[in-house]
Amino acid sequence: MEAKAIAKGLRIPARKARLIVDLVRGKDVAEADKICRNYNSKAARLTLKVLTSAVANAENNLGLDKTKLYVSRAYVDEGQTLKRMNFGSRGHVDPIKKRTSHITIVVSERN
């Protein structure tokens, strides 16, 4: 059985979030938790939040054992891009793209 958690519209670019999510994929939940806690980045904090939610969903909704869980799937999708303009010299305009992302983590029980 699988439990899933999704965080949408997070204010971090997908390529930055993928750095941490790639480290967590396939690991046991305890090891993934340690990885996220030891990285000092916004992506690690957001990934830890989603991981904790997925584990809570597995325990409370499906009755799975926390010690047997592992991260079976973890991926980051691009979200909406907030488009802003920065005015430069001589009347030209530079676009500023504030990117967002969606983090999805699926945990399963090892046999």
N, C-alpha and C. Protein backbone atom coordinates (compact mmCIF):
# COMPACT_ATOMS: atom_id res chain seq x y z
N MET A 1 0.83 -1.18 0.00
CA MET A 1 0.00 0.00 0.00
C MET A 1 0.88 1.25 0.00
N GLU A 2 0.35 2.30 -0.57
CA GLU A 2 1.10 3.54 -0.70
C GLU A 2 0.35 4.70 -0.05
N ALA A 3 1.10 5.60 0.53
CA ALA A 3 0.56 6.84 1.05
C ALA A 3 1.29 7.98 0.35
N LYS A 4 0.55 9.04 0.07
CA LYS A 4 1.10 10.12 -0.74
C LYS A 4 0.85 11.46 -0.06
N ALA A 5 1.77 12.39 -0.28
CA ALA A 5 1.60 13.77 0.18
C ALA A 5 2.13 14.69 -0.91
N ILE A 6 1.40 15.78 -1.14
CA ILE A 6 1.77 16.76 -2.17
C ILE A 6 1.74 18.15 -1.55
N ALA A 7 2.77 18.93 -1.83
CA ALA A 7 2.79 20.34 -1.46
C ALA A 7 2.84 21.14 -2.75
N LYS A 8 1.85 21.99 -2.95
CA LYS A 8 1.75 22.72 -4.21
C LYS A 8 2.05 24.21 -4.01
N GLY A 9 2.57 24.82 -5.05
CA GLY A 9 2.79 26.26 -5.05
C GLY A 9 3.90 26.72 -4.14
N LEU A 10 4.90 25.89 -3.93
CA LEU A 10 6.01 26.27 -3.05
C LEU A 10 6.92 27.27 -3.76
N ARG A 11 7.34 28.31 -3.06
CA ARG A 11 8.12 29.39 -3.67
C ARG A 11 9.60 29.02 -3.74
N ILE A 12 9.89 27.98 -4.52
CA ILE A 12 11.27 27.58 -4.78
C ILE A 12 11.31 27.00 -6.19
N PRO A 13 12.32 27.31 -6.97
CA PRO A 13 12.39 26.76 -8.32
C PRO A 13 12.52 25.23 -8.29
N ALA A 14 11.96 24.58 -9.27
CA ALA A 14 11.96 23.12 -9.31
C ALA A 14 13.37 22.54 -9.38
N ARG A 15 14.26 23.20 -10.10
CA ARG A 15 15.62 22.64 -10.23
C ARG A 15 16.36 22.68 -8.90
N LYS A 16 16.07 23.63 -8.03
CA LYS A 16 16.70 23.67 -6.71
C LYS A 16 16.09 22.61 -5.78
N ALA A 17 14.79 22.41 -5.89
CA ALA A 17 14.13 21.41 -5.05
C ALA A 17 14.53 20.00 -5.45
N ARG A 18 14.80 19.78 -6.73
CA ARG A 18 15.17 18.43 -7.21
C ARG A 18 16.49 17.95 -6.63
N LEU A 19 17.37 18.87 -6.24
CA LEU A 19 18.66 18.47 -5.67
C LEU A 19 18.47 17.64 -4.40
N ILE A 20 17.53 18.02 -3.56
CA ILE A 20 17.28 17.30 -2.31
C ILE A 20 16.39 16.10 -2.55
N VAL A 21 15.38 16.26 -3.38
CA VAL A 21 14.43 15.17 -3.62
C VAL A 21 15.14 13.97 -4.26
N ASP A 22 16.13 14.24 -5.10
CA ASP A 22 16.89 13.15 -5.71
C ASP A 22 17.69 12.35 -4.67
N LEU A 23 18.14 13.02 -3.61
CA LEU A 23 18.87 12.33 -2.55
C LEU A 23 17.95 11.44 -1.71
N VAL A 24 16.70 11.83 -1.57
CA VAL A 24 15.75 11.15 -0.69
C VAL A 24 15.11 9.94 -1.36
N ARG A 25 14.98 9.97 -2.67
CA ARG A 25 14.26 8.92 -3.41
C ARG A 25 14.89 7.55 -3.18
N GLY A 26 14.07 6.56 -2.80
CA GLY A 26 14.52 5.19 -2.62
C GLY A 26 15.07 4.87 -1.24
N LYS A 27 15.21 5.85 -0.37
CA LYS A 27 15.78 5.63 0.96
C LYS A 27 14.67 5.25 1.96
N ASP A 28 15.09 4.66 3.09
CA ASP A 28 14.16 4.43 4.19
C ASP A 28 13.73 5.78 4.74
N VAL A 29 12.57 5.80 5.38
CA VAL A 29 12.02 7.07 5.89
C VAL A 29 12.94 7.68 6.94
N ALA A 30 13.51 6.86 7.82
CA ALA A 30 14.41 7.38 8.86
C ALA A 30 15.65 8.02 8.24
N GLU A 31 16.21 7.37 7.22
CA GLU A 31 17.40 7.90 6.56
C GLU A 31 17.07 9.18 5.78
N ALA A 32 15.92 9.18 5.10
CA ALA A 32 15.50 10.37 4.37
C ALA A 32 15.26 11.55 5.31
N ASP A 33 14.72 11.26 6.48
CA ASP A 33 14.49 12.28 7.50
C ASP A 33 15.83 12.89 7.95
N LYS A 34 16.84 12.04 8.16
CA LYS A 34 18.16 12.52 8.57
C LYS A 34 18.80 13.38 7.48
N ILE A 35 18.65 12.97 6.23
CA ILE A 35 19.21 13.73 5.12
C ILE A 35 18.61 15.13 5.08
N CYS A 36 17.29 15.21 5.20
CA CYS A 36 16.61 16.52 5.15
C CYS A 36 16.96 17.40 6.33
N ARG A 37 17.13 16.79 7.50
CA ARG A 37 17.45 17.59 8.69
C ARG A 37 18.89 18.12 8.68
N ASN A 38 19.79 17.43 7.99
CA ASN A 38 21.19 17.85 7.99
C ASN A 38 21.55 18.81 6.87
N TYR A 39 20.66 19.01 5.90
CA TYR A 39 20.92 19.98 4.85
C TYR A 39 20.35 21.32 5.28
N ASN A 40 21.14 22.37 5.12
CA ASN A 40 20.70 23.71 5.49
C ASN A 40 20.23 24.44 4.23
N SER A 41 19.05 24.07 3.76
CA SER A 41 18.49 24.74 2.58
C SER A 41 16.97 24.77 2.69
N LYS A 42 16.39 25.69 1.98
CA LYS A 42 14.94 25.81 1.97
C LYS A 42 14.31 24.56 1.37
N ALA A 43 14.94 24.01 0.34
CA ALA A 43 14.42 22.80 -0.31
C ALA A 43 14.36 21.64 0.67
N ALA A 44 15.37 21.51 1.53
CA ALA A 44 15.39 20.43 2.51
C ALA A 44 14.27 20.60 3.53
N ARG A 45 14.03 21.83 3.97
CA ARG A 45 12.96 22.07 4.94
C ARG A 45 11.60 21.75 4.34
N LEU A 46 11.37 22.14 3.09
CA LEU A 46 10.09 21.87 2.44
C LEU A 46 9.91 20.38 2.16
N THR A 47 10.98 19.70 1.76
CA THR A 47 10.92 18.27 1.51
C THR A 47 10.64 17.51 2.80
N LEU A 48 11.25 17.94 3.90
CA LEU A 48 11.00 17.31 5.20
C LEU A 48 9.54 17.44 5.60
N LYS A 49 8.95 18.59 5.33
CA LYS A 49 7.55 18.82 5.64
C LYS A 49 6.65 17.86 4.88
N VAL A 50 6.93 17.68 3.59
CA VAL A 50 6.12 16.78 2.76
C VAL A 50 6.35 15.33 3.18
N LEU A 51 7.59 14.97 3.49
CA LEU A 51 7.91 13.61 3.93
C LEU A 51 7.18 13.28 5.23
N THR A 52 7.18 14.20 6.18
CA THR A 52 6.49 14.00 7.45
C THR A 52 5.00 13.81 7.23
N SER A 53 4.44 14.58 6.32
CA SER A 53 3.02 14.45 6.01
C SER A 53 2.69 13.11 5.37
N ALA A 54 3.55 12.63 4.48
CA ALA A 54 3.32 11.34 3.82
C ALA A 54 3.40 10.20 4.84
N VAL A 55 4.34 10.28 5.77
CA VAL A 55 4.46 9.25 6.81
C VAL A 55 3.24 9.27 7.73
N ALA A 56 2.77 10.46 8.08
CA ALA A 56 1.57 10.57 8.92
C ALA A 56 0.35 10.02 8.20
N ASN A 57 0.25 10.26 6.89
CA ASN A 57 -0.85 9.70 6.12
C ASN A 57 -0.80 8.17 6.13
N ALA A 58 0.40 7.62 6.01
CA ALA A 58 0.56 6.16 6.00
C ALA A 58 0.17 5.55 7.35
N GLU A 59 0.56 6.20 8.43
CA GLU A 59 0.27 5.68 9.77
C GLU A 59 -1.21 5.81 10.12
N ASN A 60 -1.75 7.00 9.91
CA ASN A 60 -3.11 7.28 10.37
C ASN A 60 -4.19 6.76 9.44
N ASN A 61 -4.00 6.89 8.14
CA ASN A 61 -5.06 6.51 7.20
C ASN A 61 -4.99 5.05 6.79
N LEU A 62 -3.78 4.50 6.68
CA LEU A 62 -3.63 3.13 6.20
C LEU A 62 -3.16 2.15 7.27
N GLY A 63 -2.73 2.65 8.42
CA GLY A 63 -2.29 1.79 9.51
C GLY A 63 -0.98 1.07 9.24
N LEU A 64 -0.09 1.69 8.47
CA LEU A 64 1.20 1.08 8.16
C LEU A 64 2.21 1.34 9.27
N ASP A 65 3.22 0.48 9.37
CA ASP A 65 4.27 0.61 10.39
C ASP A 65 5.34 1.58 9.90
N LYS A 66 5.67 2.56 10.71
CA LYS A 66 6.62 3.61 10.32
C LYS A 66 8.02 3.07 10.07
N THR A 67 8.41 2.03 10.79
CA THR A 67 9.77 1.50 10.66
C THR A 67 9.98 0.75 9.35
N LYS A 68 8.92 0.31 8.70
CA LYS A 68 9.03 -0.44 7.45
C LYS A 68 8.85 0.42 6.20
N LEU A 69 8.62 1.71 6.38
CA LEU A 69 8.33 2.58 5.25
C LEU A 69 9.60 3.03 4.54
N TYR A 70 9.48 3.24 3.24
CA TYR A 70 10.56 3.83 2.44
C TYR A 70 9.94 4.74 1.39
N VAL A 71 10.74 5.62 0.84
CA VAL A 71 10.27 6.57 -0.17
C VAL A 71 10.30 5.86 -1.52
N SER A 72 9.14 5.45 -2.00
CA SER A 72 9.09 4.70 -3.26
C SER A 72 9.15 5.64 -4.46
N ARG A 73 8.48 6.78 -4.37
CA ARG A 73 8.54 7.77 -5.46
C ARG A 73 8.63 9.16 -4.85
N ALA A 74 9.43 9.99 -5.48
CA ALA A 74 9.55 11.38 -5.07
C ALA A 74 9.91 12.20 -6.30
N TYR A 75 9.13 13.21 -6.57
CA TYR A 75 9.42 14.03 -7.75
C TYR A 75 8.95 15.45 -7.53
N VAL A 76 9.49 16.34 -8.36
CA VAL A 76 9.18 17.77 -8.29
C VAL A 76 8.68 18.22 -9.65
N ASP A 77 7.53 18.85 -9.69
CA ASP A 77 6.98 19.41 -10.91
C ASP A 77 7.03 20.93 -10.83
N GLU A 78 7.06 21.55 -12.00
CA GLU A 78 7.04 23.01 -12.02
C GLU A 78 5.63 23.52 -11.78
N GLY A 79 5.54 24.60 -11.01
CA GLY A 79 4.25 25.22 -10.75
C GLY A 79 4.11 26.48 -11.59
N GLN A 80 3.22 27.34 -11.15
CA GLN A 80 3.03 28.60 -11.86
C GLN A 80 4.27 29.48 -11.70
N THR A 81 4.47 30.35 -12.67
CA THR A 81 5.56 31.32 -12.61
C THR A 81 4.96 32.70 -12.42
N LEU A 82 5.37 33.38 -11.37
CA LEU A 82 4.93 34.75 -11.15
C LEU A 82 5.82 35.66 -11.98
N LYS A 83 5.22 36.44 -12.85
CA LYS A 83 5.99 37.30 -13.75
C LYS A 83 5.94 38.74 -13.26
N ARG A 84 7.11 39.28 -13.02
CA ARG A 84 7.24 40.65 -12.56
C ARG A 84 8.19 41.38 -13.52
N MET A 85 8.14 42.70 -13.48
CA MET A 85 9.00 43.50 -14.34
C MET A 85 9.91 44.38 -13.49
N ASN A 86 11.15 44.48 -13.93
CA ASN A 86 12.13 45.35 -13.29
C ASN A 86 12.55 46.39 -14.32
N PHE A 87 12.33 47.64 -14.00
CA PHE A 87 12.64 48.70 -14.95
C PHE A 87 14.12 49.03 -14.92
N GLY A 88 14.72 49.09 -16.10
CA GLY A 88 16.14 49.36 -16.21
C GLY A 88 16.40 50.74 -16.77
N SER A 89 17.64 50.98 -17.09
CA SER A 89 18.00 52.28 -17.63
C SER A 89 17.53 52.41 -19.08
N ARG A 90 17.44 53.61 -19.55
CA ARG A 90 17.06 53.94 -20.93
C ARG A 90 15.70 53.35 -21.32
N GLY A 91 14.84 53.16 -20.33
CA GLY A 91 13.46 52.79 -20.63
C GLY A 91 13.21 51.34 -20.96
N HIS A 92 14.19 50.46 -20.82
CA HIS A 92 13.90 49.05 -21.13
C HIS A 92 13.46 48.32 -19.87
N VAL A 93 12.83 47.18 -20.06
CA VAL A 93 12.25 46.42 -18.97
C VAL A 93 12.85 45.01 -18.96
N ASP A 94 13.28 44.55 -17.78
CA ASP A 94 13.79 43.19 -17.62
C ASP A 94 12.74 42.35 -16.91
N PRO A 95 12.38 41.20 -17.49
CA PRO A 95 11.42 40.34 -16.79
C PRO A 95 12.07 39.60 -15.63
N ILE A 96 11.31 39.45 -14.55
CA ILE A 96 11.74 38.65 -13.40
C ILE A 96 10.73 37.52 -13.27
N LYS A 97 11.21 36.29 -13.32
CA LYS A 97 10.33 35.12 -13.22
C LYS A 97 10.54 34.48 -11.85
N LYS A 98 9.52 34.56 -11.02
CA LYS A 98 9.57 33.95 -9.69
C LYS A 98 8.90 32.59 -9.81
N ARG A 99 9.72 31.55 -9.84
CA ARG A 99 9.21 30.21 -10.14
C ARG A 99 8.71 29.51 -8.87
N THR A 100 7.72 28.63 -9.06
CA THR A 100 7.18 27.82 -7.98
C THR A 100 7.27 26.35 -8.37
N SER A 101 7.01 25.48 -7.42
CA SER A 101 7.09 24.05 -7.70
C SER A 101 6.10 23.27 -6.85
N HIS A 102 5.85 22.03 -7.26
CA HIS A 102 5.01 21.09 -6.52
C HIS A 102 5.90 19.90 -6.15
N ILE A 103 5.96 19.56 -4.86
CA ILE A 103 6.74 18.41 -4.41
C ILE A 103 5.78 17.29 -4.04
N THR A 104 6.02 16.11 -4.60
CA THR A 104 5.20 14.92 -4.33
C THR A 104 6.10 13.81 -3.79
N ILE A 105 5.68 13.22 -2.67
CA ILE A 105 6.41 12.10 -2.08
C ILE A 105 5.43 10.97 -1.80
N VAL A 106 5.77 9.77 -2.26
CA VAL A 106 4.96 8.57 -2.04
C VAL A 106 5.79 7.60 -1.22
N VAL A 107 5.23 7.14 -0.10
CA VAL A 107 5.91 6.15 0.74
C VAL A 107 5.17 4.82 0.66
N SER A 108 5.94 3.75 0.68
CA SER A 108 5.39 2.39 0.64
C SER A 108 6.03 1.56 1.72
N GLU A 109 5.43 0.40 1.97
CA GLU A 109 5.96 -0.51 3.00
C GLU A 109 6.84 -1.57 2.34
N ARG A 110 8.03 -1.79 2.93
CA ARG A 110 8.92 -2.84 2.41
C ARG A 110 8.39 -4.20 2.85
N ASN A 111 8.57 -5.17 1.98
CA ASN A 111 8.12 -6.54 2.31
C ASN A 111 9.17 -7.30 3.06
